[in-house]
Amino acid sequence: MKTTLDLPADVAQVLRLESARRGGRKAASLTSLVSAAVRKTYGMPAAKKPRIDLTPGRVVIRTAADAPKLTPALITAALYD
């Protein structure tokens, strides 16, 4: 999945300097630096897979205990975006 980011000039400059410090675009591209920063900042351990109970005429999906909780406000915000 690709996403276009509009980075502030100072952030873009820091990324360029870090890329150059690490050996240039082939050694550390801006894309890889941004990806690493996003993963480090917003990364969460992967939630366990949900348990799916199949019964005739019905499917029940039970989330894992460590899964992030969804609230109506989060769903509304996601649908708004």
N, C-alpha and C. Protein backbone atom coordinates (compact mmCIF):
# COMPACT_ATOMS: atom_id res chain seq x y z
N MET A 1 0.84 -1.16 0.00
CA MET A 1 0.00 0.00 0.00
C MET A 1 0.90 1.23 0.00
N LYS A 2 0.59 2.18 -0.85
CA LYS A 2 1.38 3.39 -0.92
C LYS A 2 0.55 4.57 -0.44
N THR A 3 1.21 5.47 0.24
CA THR A 3 0.57 6.67 0.75
C THR A 3 1.46 7.86 0.41
N THR A 4 0.85 8.95 0.01
CA THR A 4 1.59 10.17 -0.27
C THR A 4 1.58 11.04 0.98
N LEU A 5 2.76 11.46 1.41
CA LEU A 5 2.88 12.31 2.59
C LEU A 5 3.35 13.70 2.18
N ASP A 6 2.79 14.70 2.82
CA ASP A 6 3.23 16.07 2.63
C ASP A 6 4.02 16.45 3.88
N LEU A 7 5.34 16.29 3.80
CA LEU A 7 6.20 16.52 4.96
C LEU A 7 6.60 17.99 5.05
N PRO A 8 6.65 18.53 6.27
CA PRO A 8 7.17 19.89 6.43
C PRO A 8 8.62 19.95 5.95
N ALA A 9 9.05 21.12 5.54
CA ALA A 9 10.39 21.29 4.97
C ALA A 9 11.48 20.87 5.95
N ASP A 10 11.30 21.19 7.23
CA ASP A 10 12.35 20.83 8.20
C ASP A 10 12.45 19.32 8.39
N VAL A 11 11.32 18.62 8.35
CA VAL A 11 11.33 17.16 8.48
C VAL A 11 11.98 16.54 7.25
N ALA A 12 11.63 17.04 6.07
CA ALA A 12 12.22 16.52 4.84
C ALA A 12 13.73 16.74 4.83
N GLN A 13 14.18 17.89 5.33
CA GLN A 13 15.62 18.18 5.38
C GLN A 13 16.33 17.21 6.32
N VAL A 14 15.75 16.95 7.48
CA VAL A 14 16.35 16.01 8.44
C VAL A 14 16.43 14.62 7.82
N LEU A 15 15.39 14.21 7.09
CA LEU A 15 15.41 12.90 6.44
C LEU A 15 16.49 12.83 5.37
N ARG A 16 16.65 13.90 4.60
CA ARG A 16 17.71 13.92 3.58
C ARG A 16 19.10 13.82 4.22
N LEU A 17 19.30 14.56 5.30
CA LEU A 17 20.59 14.51 5.99
C LEU A 17 20.86 13.12 6.57
N GLU A 18 19.83 12.50 7.14
CA GLU A 18 19.99 11.16 7.70
C GLU A 18 20.28 10.15 6.60
N SER A 19 19.61 10.30 5.46
CA SER A 19 19.86 9.41 4.33
C SER A 19 21.31 9.54 3.86
N ALA A 20 21.79 10.77 3.77
CA ALA A 20 23.18 11.00 3.35
C ALA A 20 24.15 10.43 4.38
N ARG A 21 23.83 10.59 5.66
CA ARG A 21 24.70 10.08 6.72
C ARG A 21 24.82 8.56 6.66
N ARG A 22 23.73 7.90 6.25
CA ARG A 22 23.73 6.44 6.18
C ARG A 22 24.25 5.89 4.86
N GLY A 23 24.66 6.75 3.96
CA GLY A 23 25.26 6.25 2.72
C GLY A 23 24.48 6.56 1.47
N GLY A 24 23.53 7.43 1.53
CA GLY A 24 22.80 7.83 0.33
C GLY A 24 21.51 7.06 0.10
N ARG A 25 20.89 7.38 -1.03
CA ARG A 25 19.57 6.82 -1.32
C ARG A 25 19.54 5.31 -1.45
N LYS A 26 20.61 4.72 -1.95
CA LYS A 26 20.61 3.26 -2.11
C LYS A 26 20.71 2.56 -0.76
N ALA A 27 21.45 3.14 0.17
CA ALA A 27 21.61 2.52 1.49
C ALA A 27 20.43 2.82 2.40
N ALA A 28 19.90 4.04 2.32
CA ALA A 28 18.80 4.44 3.20
C ALA A 28 17.93 5.44 2.45
N SER A 29 16.94 4.93 1.74
CA SER A 29 16.05 5.81 0.99
C SER A 29 15.13 6.57 1.94
N LEU A 30 14.59 7.68 1.45
CA LEU A 30 13.66 8.45 2.27
C LEU A 30 12.45 7.60 2.65
N THR A 31 12.00 6.77 1.71
CA THR A 31 10.86 5.90 1.98
C THR A 31 11.13 4.97 3.14
N SER A 32 12.30 4.35 3.14
CA SER A 32 12.62 3.42 4.23
C SER A 32 12.77 4.15 5.56
N LEU A 33 13.33 5.36 5.53
CA LEU A 33 13.47 6.14 6.77
C LEU A 33 12.11 6.54 7.33
N VAL A 34 11.20 6.99 6.45
CA VAL A 34 9.86 7.36 6.91
C VAL A 34 9.12 6.14 7.44
N SER A 35 9.21 5.02 6.73
CA SER A 35 8.55 3.79 7.18
C SER A 35 9.05 3.36 8.54
N ALA A 36 10.36 3.40 8.73
CA ALA A 36 10.94 3.00 10.02
C ALA A 36 10.48 3.93 11.13
N ALA A 37 10.43 5.23 10.85
CA ALA A 37 9.99 6.19 11.87
C ALA A 37 8.53 5.99 12.24
N VAL A 38 7.68 5.74 11.24
CA VAL A 38 6.26 5.51 11.52
C VAL A 38 6.07 4.23 12.31
N ARG A 39 6.77 3.17 11.93
CA ARG A 39 6.66 1.91 12.67
C ARG A 39 7.13 2.06 14.11
N LYS A 40 8.22 2.80 14.29
CA LYS A 40 8.76 2.98 15.64
C LYS A 40 7.82 3.83 16.49
N THR A 41 7.23 4.86 15.89
CA THR A 41 6.38 5.78 16.63
C THR A 41 5.00 5.19 16.91
N TYR A 42 4.38 4.60 15.90
CA TYR A 42 3.00 4.15 16.03
C TYR A 42 2.85 2.65 16.11
N GLY A 43 3.94 1.93 16.07
CA GLY A 43 3.87 0.47 16.06
C GLY A 43 3.32 -0.10 17.35
N MET A 44 2.50 -1.10 17.21
CA MET A 44 1.98 -1.84 18.34
C MET A 44 2.24 -3.31 18.05
N PRO A 45 2.42 -4.09 19.08
CA PRO A 45 2.55 -5.52 18.80
C PRO A 45 1.28 -6.03 18.13
N ALA A 46 1.44 -6.94 17.23
CA ALA A 46 0.29 -7.47 16.51
C ALA A 46 -0.66 -8.18 17.47
N ALA A 47 -1.93 -7.90 17.29
CA ALA A 47 -2.94 -8.54 18.13
C ALA A 47 -3.07 -10.01 17.73
N LYS A 48 -3.45 -10.82 18.68
CA LYS A 48 -3.67 -12.23 18.36
C LYS A 48 -4.88 -12.35 17.45
N LYS A 49 -4.93 -13.43 16.70
CA LYS A 49 -6.05 -13.63 15.78
C LYS A 49 -7.34 -13.86 16.56
N PRO A 50 -8.46 -13.37 16.03
CA PRO A 50 -9.72 -13.61 16.72
C PRO A 50 -10.14 -15.08 16.60
N ARG A 51 -10.92 -15.49 17.55
CA ARG A 51 -11.45 -16.85 17.50
C ARG A 51 -12.80 -16.79 16.79
N ILE A 52 -13.01 -17.67 15.84
CA ILE A 52 -14.25 -17.69 15.07
C ILE A 52 -15.00 -18.96 15.41
N ASP A 53 -16.21 -18.78 15.93
CA ASP A 53 -17.08 -19.91 16.25
C ASP A 53 -18.14 -20.02 15.16
N LEU A 54 -18.15 -21.15 14.47
CA LEU A 54 -19.14 -21.38 13.42
C LEU A 54 -20.22 -22.30 13.94
N THR A 55 -21.43 -21.82 13.87
CA THR A 55 -22.59 -22.65 14.19
C THR A 55 -23.55 -22.52 13.02
N PRO A 56 -24.40 -23.50 12.80
CA PRO A 56 -25.31 -23.41 11.66
C PRO A 56 -26.13 -22.11 11.70
N GLY A 57 -26.01 -21.33 10.65
CA GLY A 57 -26.78 -20.10 10.54
C GLY A 57 -26.19 -18.90 11.27
N ARG A 58 -25.03 -19.07 11.90
CA ARG A 58 -24.48 -17.95 12.67
C ARG A 58 -22.96 -18.06 12.77
N VAL A 59 -22.31 -16.92 12.69
CA VAL A 59 -20.85 -16.85 12.88
C VAL A 59 -20.59 -15.86 14.01
N VAL A 60 -19.85 -16.29 15.01
CA VAL A 60 -19.50 -15.42 16.13
C VAL A 60 -17.98 -15.23 16.11
N ILE A 61 -17.56 -13.98 16.07
CA ILE A 61 -16.13 -13.66 16.08
C ILE A 61 -15.80 -13.04 17.43
N ARG A 62 -14.91 -13.69 18.16
CA ARG A 62 -14.50 -13.19 19.47
C ARG A 62 -13.08 -12.65 19.35
N THR A 63 -12.91 -11.40 19.71
CA THR A 63 -11.59 -10.79 19.60
C THR A 63 -10.70 -11.28 20.73
N ALA A 64 -9.42 -11.20 20.49
CA ALA A 64 -8.45 -11.59 21.52
C ALA A 64 -8.46 -10.55 22.64
N ALA A 65 -8.04 -10.96 23.82
CA ALA A 65 -8.07 -10.07 24.97
C ALA A 65 -7.16 -8.85 24.78
N ASP A 66 -6.07 -9.01 24.04
CA ASP A 66 -5.14 -7.90 23.86
C ASP A 66 -5.43 -7.05 22.62
N ALA A 67 -6.53 -7.32 21.94
CA ALA A 67 -6.89 -6.55 20.75
C ALA A 67 -7.33 -5.15 21.16
N PRO A 68 -7.01 -4.14 20.33
CA PRO A 68 -7.45 -2.79 20.65
C PRO A 68 -8.97 -2.72 20.67
N LYS A 69 -9.50 -1.95 21.60
CA LYS A 69 -10.96 -1.82 21.73
C LYS A 69 -11.49 -0.80 20.73
N LEU A 70 -12.55 -1.15 20.05
CA LEU A 70 -13.20 -0.24 19.12
C LEU A 70 -14.35 0.44 19.84
N THR A 71 -14.46 1.74 19.64
CA THR A 71 -15.56 2.50 20.22
C THR A 71 -16.36 3.11 19.07
N PRO A 72 -17.61 3.47 19.32
CA PRO A 72 -18.38 4.14 18.27
C PRO A 72 -17.68 5.40 17.75
N ALA A 73 -16.99 6.12 18.62
CA ALA A 73 -16.29 7.33 18.20
C ALA A 73 -15.15 7.00 17.22
N LEU A 74 -14.41 5.92 17.48
CA LEU A 74 -13.34 5.52 16.57
C LEU A 74 -13.90 5.11 15.21
N ILE A 75 -15.00 4.39 15.21
CA ILE A 75 -15.62 3.96 13.95
C ILE A 75 -16.12 5.16 13.17
N THR A 76 -16.77 6.10 13.86
CA THR A 76 -17.26 7.32 13.21
C THR A 76 -16.10 8.10 12.60
N ALA A 77 -15.00 8.22 13.34
CA ALA A 77 -13.84 8.95 12.83
C ALA A 77 -13.25 8.26 11.61
N ALA A 78 -13.18 6.93 11.63
CA ALA A 78 -12.63 6.19 10.49
C ALA A 78 -13.53 6.34 9.27
N LEU A 79 -14.83 6.30 9.46
CA LEU A 79 -15.75 6.45 8.34
C LEU A 79 -15.73 7.88 7.79
N TYR A 80 -15.48 8.85 8.67
CA TYR A 80 -15.41 10.25 8.24
C TYR A 80 -14.21 10.49 7.34
N ASP A 81 -13.08 9.83 7.66
CA ASP A 81 -11.86 9.99 6.86
C ASP A 81 -12.08 9.38 5.50
